Amino acid sequence: EGAQAWIREGVGLVLCRERLAGGVLAATNLFRQEAGRWRLFHHHA
């Protein structure tokens, strides 16, 4: 939930919350274009 997206110099950044039964995680997901679509290259929760 709460995803926010930014694109800078070919890198896509998404910040969001991951909600689990035991609590909440903050996640940073970094994407780049590969084969014509956005794909993850970094995930941190």
ModelCIF file with pLDDT and N, C-alpha, C, O atoms, coordinates in Angstrom:
data_MODEL
#
_entry.id   MODEL 
#
_entity.id                         1 
_entity.type                       polymer 
_entity.pdbx_number_of_molecules   1 
#
_entity_poly.entity_id                      1 
_entity_poly.type                           'polypeptide(L)' 
_entity_poly.nstd_linkage                   no 
_entity_poly.nstd_monomer                   no 
_entity_poly.pdbx_seq_one_letter_code       EGAQAWIREGVGLVLCRERLAGGVLAATNLFRQEAGRWRLFHHHA 
_entity_poly.pdbx_seq_one_letter_code_can   EGAQAWIREGVGLVLCRERLAGGVLAATNLFRQEAGRWRLFHHHA 
_entity_poly.pdbx_strand_id                 A 
#
loop_
_entity_poly_seq.entity_id 
_entity_poly_seq.num 
_entity_poly_seq.mon_id 
_entity_poly_seq.hetero 
1 1  GLU n 
1 2  GLY n 
1 3  ALA n 
1 4  GLN n 
1 5  ALA n 
1 6  TRP n 
1 7  ILE n 
1 8  ARG n 
1 9  GLU n 
1 10 GLY n 
1 11 VAL n 
1 12 GLY n 
1 13 LEU n 
1 14 VAL n 
1 15 LEU n 
1 16 CYS n 
1 17 ARG n 
1 18 GLU n 
1 19 ARG n 
1 20 LEU n 
1 21 ALA n 
1 22 GLY n 
1 23 GLY n 
1 24 VAL n 
1 25 LEU n 
1 26 ALA n 
1 27 ALA n 
1 28 THR n 
1 29 ASN n 
1 30 LEU n 
1 31 PHE n 
1 32 ARG n 
1 33 GLN n 
1 34 GLU n 
1 35 ALA n 
1 36 GLY n 
1 37 ARG n 
1 38 TRP n 
1 39 ARG n 
1 40 LEU n 
1 41 PHE n 
1 42 HIS n 
1 43 HIS n 
1 44 HIS n 
1 45 ALA n 
#
_struct_asym.id          A 
_struct_asym.entity_id   1 
#
loop_
_ma_qa_metric.id 
_ma_qa_metric.mode 
_ma_qa_metric.name 
_ma_qa_metric.software_group_id 
_ma_qa_metric.type 
1 global pLDDT . pLDDT 
2 local  pLDDT . pLDDT 
#
_ma_qa_metric_global.metric_id      1 
_ma_qa_metric_global.metric_value   94.87 
_ma_qa_metric_global.model_id       1 
_ma_qa_metric_global.ordinal_id     1 
#
loop_
_ma_qa_metric_local.label_asym_id 
_ma_qa_metric_local.label_comp_id 
_ma_qa_metric_local.label_seq_id 
_ma_qa_metric_local.metric_id 
_ma_qa_metric_local.metric_value 
_ma_qa_metric_local.model_id 
_ma_qa_metric_local.ordinal_id 
A GLU 1  2 93.00 1 1  
A GLY 2  2 94.00 1 2  
A ALA 3  2 96.00 1 3  
A GLN 4  2 96.00 1 4  
A ALA 5  2 96.00 1 5  
A TRP 6  2 97.00 1 6  
A ILE 7  2 97.00 1 7  
A ARG 8  2 96.00 1 8  
A GLU 9  2 94.00 1 9  
A GLY 10 2 93.00 1 10 
A VAL 11 2 97.00 1 11 
A GLY 12 2 98.00 1 12 
A LEU 13 2 98.00 1 13 
A VAL 14 2 98.00 1 14 
A LEU 15 2 97.00 1 15 
A CYS 16 2 96.00 1 16 
A ARG 17 2 95.00 1 17 
A GLU 18 2 94.00 1 18 
A ARG 19 2 90.00 1 19 
A LEU 20 2 86.00 1 20 
A ALA 21 2 82.00 1 21 
A GLY 22 2 80.00 1 22 
A GLY 23 2 87.00 1 23 
A VAL 24 2 92.00 1 24 
A LEU 25 2 94.00 1 25 
A ALA 26 2 95.00 1 26 
A ALA 27 2 96.00 1 27 
A THR 28 2 97.00 1 28 
A ASN 29 2 98.00 1 29 
A LEU 30 2 98.00 1 30 
A PHE 31 2 98.00 1 31 
A ARG 32 2 98.00 1 32 
A GLN 33 2 97.00 1 33 
A GLU 34 2 96.00 1 34 
A ALA 35 2 92.00 1 35 
A GLY 36 2 93.00 1 36 
A ARG 37 2 95.00 1 37 
A TRP 38 2 98.00 1 38 
A ARG 39 2 98.00 1 39 
A LEU 40 2 98.00 1 40 
A PHE 41 2 98.00 1 41 
A HIS 42 2 98.00 1 42 
A HIS 43 2 98.00 1 43 
A HIS 44 2 97.00 1 44 
A ALA 45 2 95.00 1 45 
#
loop_
_atom_site.group_PDB 
_atom_site.id 
_atom_site.type_symbol 
_atom_site.label_atom_id 
_atom_site.label_alt_id 
_atom_site.label_comp_id 
_atom_site.label_asym_id 
_atom_site.label_entity_id 
_atom_site.label_seq_id 
_atom_site.pdbx_PDB_ins_code 
_atom_site.Cartn_x 
_atom_site.Cartn_y 
_atom_site.Cartn_z 
_atom_site.occupancy 
_atom_site.B_iso_or_equiv 
_atom_site.pdbx_formal_charge 
_atom_site.auth_seq_id 
_atom_site.auth_comp_id 
_atom_site.auth_asym_id 
_atom_site.auth_atom_id 
_atom_site.pdbx_PDB_model_num 
ATOM 1   N N  . GLU A 1 1  ? 0.836  -1.204 0.000   1.00 93.00 ? 1  GLU A N  1 
ATOM 2   C CA . GLU A 1 1  ? 0.000  0.000  0.000   1.00 93.00 ? 1  GLU A CA 1 
ATOM 3   C C  . GLU A 1 1  ? 0.865  1.247  0.000   1.00 93.00 ? 1  GLU A C  1 
ATOM 4   O O  . GLU A 1 1  ? 2.056  1.200  0.308   1.00 93.00 ? 1  GLU A O  1 
ATOM 5   N N  . GLY A 1 2  ? 0.246  2.354  -0.349  1.00 94.00 ? 2  GLY A N  1 
ATOM 6   C CA . GLY A 1 2  ? 0.896  3.656  -0.277  1.00 94.00 ? 2  GLY A CA 1 
ATOM 7   C C  . GLY A 1 2  ? 2.036  3.855  -1.252  1.00 94.00 ? 2  GLY A C  1 
ATOM 8   O O  . GLY A 1 2  ? 2.947  4.636  -0.977  1.00 94.00 ? 2  GLY A O  1 
ATOM 9   N N  . ALA A 1 3  ? 2.013  3.172  -2.380  1.00 96.00 ? 3  ALA A N  1 
ATOM 10  C CA . ALA A 1 3  ? 3.126  3.257  -3.330  1.00 96.00 ? 3  ALA A CA 1 
ATOM 11  C C  . ALA A 1 3  ? 3.249  4.657  -3.930  1.00 96.00 ? 3  ALA A C  1 
ATOM 12  O O  . ALA A 1 3  ? 2.263  5.278  -4.325  1.00 96.00 ? 3  ALA A O  1 
ATOM 13  N N  . GLN A 1 4  ? 4.486  5.125  -3.982  1.00 96.00 ? 4  GLN A N  1 
ATOM 14  C CA . GLN A 1 4  ? 4.832  6.392  -4.619  1.00 96.00 ? 4  GLN A CA 1 
ATOM 15  C C  . GLN A 1 4  ? 5.969  6.105  -5.595  1.00 96.00 ? 4  GLN A C  1 
ATOM 16  O O  . GLN A 1 4  ? 6.887  5.350  -5.275  1.00 96.00 ? 4  GLN A O  1 
ATOM 17  N N  . ALA A 1 5  ? 5.914  6.698  -6.771  1.00 96.00 ? 5  ALA A N  1 
ATOM 18  C CA . ALA A 1 5  ? 6.895  6.397  -7.807  1.00 96.00 ? 5  ALA A CA 1 
ATOM 19  C C  . ALA A 1 5  ? 7.587  7.654  -8.311  1.00 96.00 ? 5  ALA A C  1 
ATOM 20  O O  . ALA A 1 5  ? 6.983  8.720  -8.425  1.00 96.00 ? 5  ALA A O  1 
ATOM 21  N N  . TRP A 1 6  ? 8.878  7.496  -8.611  1.00 97.00 ? 6  TRP A N  1 
ATOM 22  C CA . TRP A 1 6  ? 9.677  8.537  -9.230  1.00 97.00 ? 6  TRP A CA 1 
ATOM 23  C C  . TRP A 1 6  ? 10.563 7.885  -10.282 1.00 97.00 ? 6  TRP A C  1 
ATOM 24  O O  . TRP A 1 6  ? 10.978 6.735  -10.139 1.00 97.00 ? 6  TRP A O  1 
ATOM 25  N N  . ILE A 1 7  ? 10.844 8.630  -11.331 1.00 97.00 ? 7  ILE A N  1 
ATOM 26  C CA . ILE A 1 7  ? 11.777 8.169  -12.360 1.00 97.00 ? 7  ILE A CA 1 
ATOM 27  C C  . ILE A 1 7  ? 12.810 9.251  -12.552 1.00 97.00 ? 7  ILE A C  1 
ATOM 28  O O  . ILE A 1 7  ? 12.475 10.407 -12.809 1.00 97.00 ? 7  ILE A O  1 
ATOM 29  N N  . ARG A 1 8  ? 14.073 8.871  -12.427 1.00 96.00 ? 8  ARG A N  1 
ATOM 30  C CA . ARG A 1 8  ? 15.186 9.796  -12.616 1.00 96.00 ? 8  ARG A CA 1 
ATOM 31  C C  . ARG A 1 8  ? 16.313 9.083  -13.355 1.00 96.00 ? 8  ARG A C  1 
ATOM 32  O O  . ARG A 1 8  ? 16.782 8.027  -12.929 1.00 96.00 ? 8  ARG A O  1 
ATOM 33  N N  . GLU A 1 9  ? 16.737 9.673  -14.459 1.00 94.00 ? 9  GLU A N  1 
ATOM 34  C CA . GLU A 1 9  ? 17.882 9.174  -15.221 1.00 94.00 ? 9  GLU A CA 1 
ATOM 35  C C  . GLU A 1 9  ? 17.805 7.673  -15.481 1.00 94.00 ? 9  GLU A C  1 
ATOM 36  O O  . GLU A 1 9  ? 18.787 6.951  -15.313 1.00 94.00 ? 9  GLU A O  1 
ATOM 37  N N  . GLY A 1 10 ? 16.622 7.212  -15.893 1.00 93.00 ? 10 GLY A N  1 
ATOM 38  C CA . GLY A 1 10 ? 16.443 5.819  -16.281 1.00 93.00 ? 10 GLY A CA 1 
ATOM 39  C C  . GLY A 1 10 ? 16.226 4.840  -15.142 1.00 93.00 ? 10 GLY A C  1 
ATOM 40  O O  . GLY A 1 10 ? 16.101 3.638  -15.377 1.00 93.00 ? 10 GLY A O  1 
ATOM 41  N N  . VAL A 1 11 ? 16.180 5.330  -13.919 1.00 97.00 ? 11 VAL A N  1 
ATOM 42  C CA . VAL A 1 11 ? 15.941 4.462  -12.765 1.00 97.00 ? 11 VAL A CA 1 
ATOM 43  C C  . VAL A 1 11 ? 14.578 4.798  -12.181 1.00 97.00 ? 11 VAL A C  1 
ATOM 44  O O  . VAL A 1 11 ? 14.257 5.964  -11.952 1.00 97.00 ? 11 VAL A O  1 
ATOM 45  N N  . GLY A 1 12 ? 13.784 3.767  -11.943 1.00 98.00 ? 12 GLY A N  1 
ATOM 46  C CA . GLY A 1 12 ? 12.489 3.932  -11.312 1.00 98.00 ? 12 GLY A CA 1 
ATOM 47  C C  . GLY A 1 12 ? 12.586 3.573  -9.844  1.00 98.00 ? 12 GLY A C  1 
ATOM 48  O O  . GLY A 1 12 ? 13.118 2.521  -9.488  1.00 98.00 ? 12 GLY A O  1 
ATOM 49  N N  . LEU A 1 13 ? 12.078 4.438  -9.002  1.00 98.00 ? 13 LEU A N  1 
ATOM 50  C CA . LEU A 1 13 ? 12.081 4.220  -7.552  1.00 98.00 ? 13 LEU A CA 1 
ATOM 51  C C  . LEU A 1 13 ? 10.635 4.157  -7.084  1.00 98.00 ? 13 LEU A C  1 
ATOM 52  O O  . LEU A 1 13 ? 9.836  5.043  -7.386  1.00 98.00 ? 13 LEU A O  1 
ATOM 53  N N  . VAL A 1 14 ? 10.301 3.095  -6.338  1.00 98.00 ? 14 VAL A N  1 
ATOM 54  C CA . VAL A 1 14 ? 8.993  2.986  -5.717  1.00 98.00 ? 14 VAL A CA 1 
ATOM 55  C C  . VAL A 1 14 ? 9.202  2.786  -4.226  1.00 98.00 ? 14 VAL A C  1 
ATOM 56  O O  . VAL A 1 14 ? 9.908  1.871  -3.801  1.00 98.00 ? 14 VAL A O  1 
ATOM 57  N N  . LEU A 1 15 ? 8.579  3.655  -3.438  1.00 97.00 ? 15 LEU A N  1 
ATOM 58  C CA . LEU A 1 15 ? 8.542  3.515  -1.987  1.00 97.00 ? 15 LEU A CA 1 
ATOM 59  C C  . LEU A 1 15 ? 7.129  3.089  -1.626  1.00 97.00 ? 15 LEU A C  1 
ATOM 60  O O  . LEU A 1 15 ? 6.157  3.628  -2.156  1.00 97.00 ? 15 LEU A O  1 
ATOM 61  N N  . CYS A 1 16 ? 7.015  2.116  -0.718  1.00 96.00 ? 16 CYS A N  1 
ATOM 62  C CA . CYS A 1 16 ? 5.693  1.657  -0.310  1.00 96.00 ? 16 CYS A CA 1 
ATOM 63  C C  . CYS A 1 16 ? 5.779  0.995  1.056   1.00 96.00 ? 16 CYS A C  1 
ATOM 64  O O  . CYS A 1 16 ? 6.861  0.812  1.614   1.00 96.00 ? 16 CYS A O  1 
ATOM 65  N N  . ARG A 1 17 ? 4.614  0.641  1.580   1.00 95.00 ? 17 ARG A N  1 
ATOM 66  C CA . ARG A 1 17 ? 4.534  -0.132 2.812   1.00 95.00 ? 17 ARG A CA 1 
ATOM 67  C C  . ARG A 1 17 ? 4.125  -1.550 2.461   1.00 95.00 ? 17 ARG A C  1 
ATOM 68  O O  . ARG A 1 17 ? 3.307  -1.771 1.569   1.00 95.00 ? 17 ARG A O  1 
ATOM 69  N N  . GLU A 1 18 ? 4.698  -2.501 3.166   1.00 94.00 ? 18 GLU A N  1 
ATOM 70  C CA . GLU A 1 18 ? 4.285  -3.890 3.087   1.00 94.00 ? 18 GLU A CA 1 
ATOM 71  C C  . GLU A 1 18 ? 3.578  -4.196 4.406   1.00 94.00 ? 18 GLU A C  1 
ATOM 72  O O  . GLU A 1 18 ? 4.164  -4.068 5.482   1.00 94.00 ? 18 GLU A O  1 
ATOM 73  N N  . ARG A 1 19 ? 2.321  -4.598 4.309   1.00 90.00 ? 19 ARG A N  1 
ATOM 74  C CA . ARG A 1 19 ? 1.546  -4.878 5.518   1.00 90.00 ? 19 ARG A CA 1 
ATOM 75  C C  . ARG A 1 19 ? 1.445  -6.388 5.686   1.00 90.00 ? 19 ARG A C  1 
ATOM 76  O O  . ARG A 1 19 ? 0.960  -7.102 4.809   1.00 90.00 ? 19 ARG A O  1 
ATOM 77  N N  . LEU A 1 20 ? 1.923  -6.857 6.851   1.00 86.00 ? 20 LEU A N  1 
ATOM 78  C CA . LEU A 1 20 ? 1.861  -8.269 7.217   1.00 86.00 ? 20 LEU A CA 1 
ATOM 79  C C  . LEU A 1 20 ? 1.046  -8.381 8.497   1.00 86.00 ? 20 LEU A C  1 
ATOM 80  O O  . LEU A 1 20 ? 0.784  -7.377 9.159   1.00 86.00 ? 20 LEU A O  1 
ATOM 81  N N  . ALA A 1 21 ? 0.646  -9.596 8.846   1.00 82.00 ? 21 ALA A N  1 
ATOM 82  C CA . ALA A 1 21 ? -0.130 -9.803 10.066  1.00 82.00 ? 21 ALA A CA 1 
ATOM 83  C C  . ALA A 1 21 ? 0.625  -9.285 11.288  1.00 82.00 ? 21 ALA A C  1 
ATOM 84  O O  . ALA A 1 21 ? 0.005  -8.772 12.220  1.00 82.00 ? 21 ALA A O  1 
ATOM 85  N N  . GLY A 1 22 ? 1.945  -9.409 11.300  1.00 80.00 ? 22 GLY A N  1 
ATOM 86  C CA . GLY A 1 22 ? 2.736  -9.017 12.455  1.00 80.00 ? 22 GLY A CA 1 
ATOM 87  C C  . GLY A 1 22 ? 3.233  -7.585 12.465  1.00 80.00 ? 22 GLY A C  1 
ATOM 88  O O  . GLY A 1 22 ? 3.909  -7.183 13.412  1.00 80.00 ? 22 GLY A O  1 
ATOM 89  N N  . GLY A 1 23 ? 2.922  -6.806 11.448  1.00 87.00 ? 23 GLY A N  1 
ATOM 90  C CA . GLY A 1 23 ? 3.403  -5.435 11.440  1.00 87.00 ? 23 GLY A CA 1 
ATOM 91  C C  . GLY A 1 23 ? 3.518  -4.853 10.050  1.00 87.00 ? 23 GLY A C  1 
ATOM 92  O O  . GLY A 1 23 ? 2.919  -5.338 9.090   1.00 87.00 ? 23 GLY A O  1 
ATOM 93  N N  . VAL A 1 24 ? 4.312  -3.792 9.974   1.00 92.00 ? 24 VAL A N  1 
ATOM 94  C CA . VAL A 1 24 ? 4.464  -3.044 8.728   1.00 92.00 ? 24 VAL A CA 1 
ATOM 95  C C  . VAL A 1 24 ? 5.946  -2.933 8.394   1.00 92.00 ? 24 VAL A C  1 
ATOM 96  O O  . VAL A 1 24 ? 6.779  -2.692 9.268   1.00 92.00 ? 24 VAL A O  1 
ATOM 97  N N  . LEU A 1 25 ? 6.259  -3.112 7.117   1.00 94.00 ? 25 LEU A N  1 
ATOM 98  C CA . LEU A 1 25 ? 7.611  -2.917 6.608   1.00 94.00 ? 25 LEU A CA 1 
ATOM 99  C C  . LEU A 1 25 ? 7.595  -1.745 5.642   1.00 94.00 ? 25 LEU A C  1 
ATOM 100 O O  . LEU A 1 25 ? 6.612  -1.533 4.932   1.00 94.00 ? 25 LEU A O  1 
ATOM 101 N N  . ALA A 1 26 ? 8.671  -0.992 5.614   1.00 95.00 ? 26 ALA A N  1 
ATOM 102 C CA . ALA A 1 26 ? 8.867  0.024  4.583   1.00 95.00 ? 26 ALA A CA 1 
ATOM 103 C C  . ALA A 1 26 ? 9.718  -0.638 3.500   1.00 95.00 ? 26 ALA A C  1 
ATOM 104 O O  . ALA A 1 26 ? 10.695 -1.321 3.806   1.00 95.00 ? 26 ALA A O  1 
ATOM 105 N N  . ALA A 1 27 ? 9.351  -0.438 2.254   1.00 96.00 ? 27 ALA A N  1 
ATOM 106 C CA . ALA A 1 27 ? 10.090 -1.069 1.156   1.00 96.00 ? 27 ALA A CA 1 
ATOM 107 C C  . ALA A 1 27 ? 10.558 -0.027 0.153   1.00 96.00 ? 27 ALA A C  1 
ATOM 108 O O  . ALA A 1 27 ? 9.855  0.933  -0.162  1.00 96.00 ? 27 ALA A O  1 
ATOM 109 N N  . THR A 1 28 ? 11.759 -0.251 -0.332  1.00 97.00 ? 28 THR A N  1 
ATOM 110 C CA . THR A 1 28 ? 12.338 0.523  -1.413  1.00 97.00 ? 28 THR A CA 1 
ATOM 111 C C  . THR A 1 28 ? 12.576 -0.447 -2.561  1.00 97.00 ? 28 THR A C  1 
ATOM 112 O O  . THR A 1 28 ? 13.313 -1.422 -2.410  1.00 97.00 ? 28 THR A O  1 
ATOM 113 N N  . ASN A 1 29 ? 11.960 -0.188 -3.699  1.00 98.00 ? 29 ASN A N  1 
ATOM 114 C CA . ASN A 1 29 ? 12.108 -1.030 -4.881  1.00 98.00 ? 29 ASN A CA 1 
ATOM 115 C C  . ASN A 1 29 ? 12.656 -0.185 -6.022  1.00 98.00 ? 29 ASN A C  1 
ATOM 116 O O  . ASN A 1 29 ? 12.070 0.830  -6.400  1.00 98.00 ? 29 ASN A O  1 
ATOM 117 N N  . LEU A 1 30 ? 13.780 -0.616 -6.558  1.00 98.00 ? 30 LEU A N  1 
ATOM 118 C CA . LEU A 1 30 ? 14.408 0.087  -7.671  1.00 98.00 ? 30 LEU A CA 1 
ATOM 119 C C  . LEU A 1 30 ? 14.246 -0.736 -8.943  1.00 98.00 ? 30 LEU A C  1 
ATOM 120 O O  . LEU A 1 30 ? 14.442 -1.951 -8.942  1.00 98.00 ? 30 LEU A O  1 
ATOM 121 N N  . PHE A 1 31 ? 13.887 -0.058 -10.019 1.00 98.00 ? 31 PHE A N  1 
ATOM 122 C CA . PHE A 1 31 ? 13.627 -0.696 -11.302 1.00 98.00 ? 31 PHE A CA 1 
ATOM 123 C C  . PHE A 1 31 ? 14.455 -0.025 -12.390 1.00 98.00 ? 31 PHE A C  1 
ATOM 124 O O  . PHE A 1 31 ? 14.863 1.130  -12.268 1.00 98.00 ? 31 PHE A O  1 
ATOM 125 N N  . ARG A 1 32 ? 14.687 -0.777 -13.447 1.00 98.00 ? 32 ARG A N  1 
ATOM 126 C CA . ARG A 1 32 ? 15.243 -0.203 -14.674 1.00 98.00 ? 32 ARG A CA 1 
ATOM 127 C C  . ARG A 1 32 ? 14.547 -0.885 -15.845 1.00 98.00 ? 32 ARG A C  1 
ATOM 128 O O  . ARG A 1 32 ? 13.971 -1.965 -15.712 1.00 98.00 ? 32 ARG A O  1 
ATOM 129 N N  . GLN A 1 33 ? 14.617 -0.226 -16.988 1.00 97.00 ? 33 GLN A N  1 
ATOM 130 C CA . GLN A 1 33 ? 14.005 -0.778 -18.190 1.00 97.00 ? 33 GLN A CA 1 
ATOM 131 C C  . GLN A 1 33 ? 14.856 -1.937 -18.700 1.00 97.00 ? 33 GLN A C  1 
ATOM 132 O O  . GLN A 1 33 ? 16.074 -1.823 -18.838 1.00 97.00 ? 33 GLN A O  1 
ATOM 133 N N  . GLU A 1 34 ? 14.194 -3.044 -18.975 1.00 96.00 ? 34 GLU A N  1 
ATOM 134 C CA . GLU A 1 34 ? 14.865 -4.199 -19.565 1.00 96.00 ? 34 GLU A CA 1 
ATOM 135 C C  . GLU A 1 34 ? 13.844 -4.897 -20.456 1.00 96.00 ? 34 GLU A C  1 
ATOM 136 O O  . GLU A 1 34 ? 12.741 -5.212 -20.010 1.00 96.00 ? 34 GLU A O  1 
ATOM 137 N N  . ALA A 1 35 ? 14.200 -5.134 -21.682 1.00 92.00 ? 35 ALA A N  1 
ATOM 138 C CA . ALA A 1 35 ? 13.300 -5.776 -22.653 1.00 92.00 ? 35 ALA A CA 1 
ATOM 139 C C  . ALA A 1 35 ? 11.972 -5.033 -22.745 1.00 92.00 ? 35 ALA A C  1 
ATOM 140 O O  . ALA A 1 35 ? 10.911 -5.647 -22.862 1.00 92.00 ? 35 ALA A O  1 
ATOM 141 N N  . GLY A 1 36 ? 12.044 -3.679 -22.691 1.00 93.00 ? 36 GLY A N  1 
ATOM 142 C CA . GLY A 1 36 ? 10.867 -2.859 -22.891 1.00 93.00 ? 36 GLY A CA 1 
ATOM 143 C C  . GLY A 1 36 ? 9.919  -2.747 -21.719 1.00 93.00 ? 36 GLY A C  1 
ATOM 144 O O  . GLY A 1 36 ? 8.799  -2.261 -21.876 1.00 93.00 ? 36 GLY A O  1 
ATOM 145 N N  . ARG A 1 37 ? 10.351 -3.192 -20.531 1.00 95.00 ? 37 ARG A N  1 
ATOM 146 C CA . ARG A 1 37 ? 9.476  -3.061 -19.360 1.00 95.00 ? 37 ARG A CA 1 
ATOM 147 C C  . ARG A 1 37 ? 10.296 -2.803 -18.107 1.00 95.00 ? 37 ARG A C  1 
ATOM 148 O O  . ARG A 1 37 ? 11.492 -3.087 -18.058 1.00 95.00 ? 37 ARG A O  1 
ATOM 149 N N  . TRP A 1 38 ? 9.632  -2.261 -17.096 1.00 98.00 ? 38 TRP A N  1 
ATOM 150 C CA . TRP A 1 38 ? 10.289 -2.012 -15.823 1.00 98.00 ? 38 TRP A CA 1 
ATOM 151 C C  . TRP A 1 38 ? 10.466 -3.325 -15.067 1.00 98.00 ? 38 TRP A C  1 
ATOM 152 O O  . TRP A 1 38 ? 9.514  -4.083 -14.880 1.00 98.00 ? 38 TRP A O  1 
ATOM 153 N N  . ARG A 1 39 ? 11.715 -3.582 -14.632 1.00 98.00 ? 39 ARG A N  1 
ATOM 154 C CA . ARG A 1 39 ? 12.015 -4.784 -13.844 1.00 98.00 ? 39 ARG A CA 1 
ATOM 155 C C  . ARG A 1 39 ? 12.868 -4.390 -12.650 1.00 98.00 ? 39 ARG A C  1 
ATOM 156 O O  . ARG A 1 39 ? 13.682 -3.469 -12.718 1.00 98.00 ? 39 ARG A O  1 
ATOM 157 N N  . LEU A 1 40 ? 12.663 -5.108 -11.561 1.00 98.00 ? 40 LEU A N  1 
ATOM 158 C CA . LEU A 1 40 ? 13.419 -4.862 -10.332 1.00 98.00 ? 40 LEU A CA 1 
ATOM 159 C C  . LEU A 1 40 ? 14.898 -5.171 -10.488 1.00 98.00 ? 40 LEU A C  1 
ATOM 160 O O  . LEU A 1 40 ? 15.282 -6.137 -11.147 1.00 98.00 ? 40 LEU A O  1 
ATOM 161 N N  . PHE A 1 41 ? 15.724 -4.330 -9.869  1.00 98.00 ? 41 PHE A N  1 
ATOM 162 C CA . PHE A 1 41 ? 17.125 -4.696 -9.700  1.00 98.00 ? 41 PHE A CA 1 
ATOM 163 C C  . PHE A 1 41 ? 17.551 -4.548 -8.242  1.00 98.00 ? 41 PHE A C  1 
ATOM 164 O O  . PHE A 1 41 ? 18.665 -4.921 -7.875  1.00 98.00 ? 41 PHE A O  1 
ATOM 165 N N  . HIS A 1 42 ? 16.656 -4.000 -7.410  1.00 98.00 ? 42 HIS A N  1 
ATOM 166 C CA . HIS A 1 42 ? 16.950 -3.865 -5.981  1.00 98.00 ? 42 HIS A CA 1 
ATOM 167 C C  . HIS A 1 42 ? 15.648 -3.836 -5.191  1.00 98.00 ? 42 HIS A C  1 
ATOM 168 O O  . HIS A 1 42 ? 14.721 -3.101 -5.532  1.00 98.00 ? 42 HIS A O  1 
ATOM 169 N N  . HIS A 1 43 ? 15.586 -4.635 -4.140  1.00 98.00 ? 43 HIS A N  1 
ATOM 170 C CA . HIS A 1 43 ? 14.448 -4.626 -3.213  1.00 98.00 ? 43 HIS A CA 1 
ATOM 171 C C  . HIS A 1 43 ? 15.009 -4.619 -1.802  1.00 98.00 ? 43 HIS A C  1 
ATOM 172 O O  . HIS A 1 43 ? 15.904 -5.398 -1.476  1.00 98.00 ? 43 HIS A O  1 
ATOM 173 N N  . HIS A 1 44 ? 14.478 -3.734 -0.965  1.00 97.00 ? 44 HIS A N  1 
ATOM 174 C CA . HIS A 1 44 ? 14.882 -3.663 0.437   1.00 97.00 ? 44 HIS A CA 1 
ATOM 175 C C  . HIS A 1 44 ? 13.640 -3.410 1.266   1.00 97.00 ? 44 HIS A C  1 
ATOM 176 O O  . HIS A 1 44 ? 12.917 -2.443 1.029   1.00 97.00 ? 44 HIS A O  1 
ATOM 177 N N  . ALA A 1 45 ? 13.387 -4.277 2.244   1.00 95.00 ? 45 ALA A N  1 
ATOM 178 C CA . ALA A 1 45 ? 12.255 -4.103 3.153   1.00 95.00 ? 45 ALA A CA 1 
ATOM 179 C C  . ALA A 1 45 ? 12.770 -4.176 4.583   1.00 95.00 ? 45 ALA A C  1 
ATOM 180 O O  . ALA A 1 45 ? 11.990 -4.055 5.527   1.00 95.00 ? 45 ALA A O  1 
#
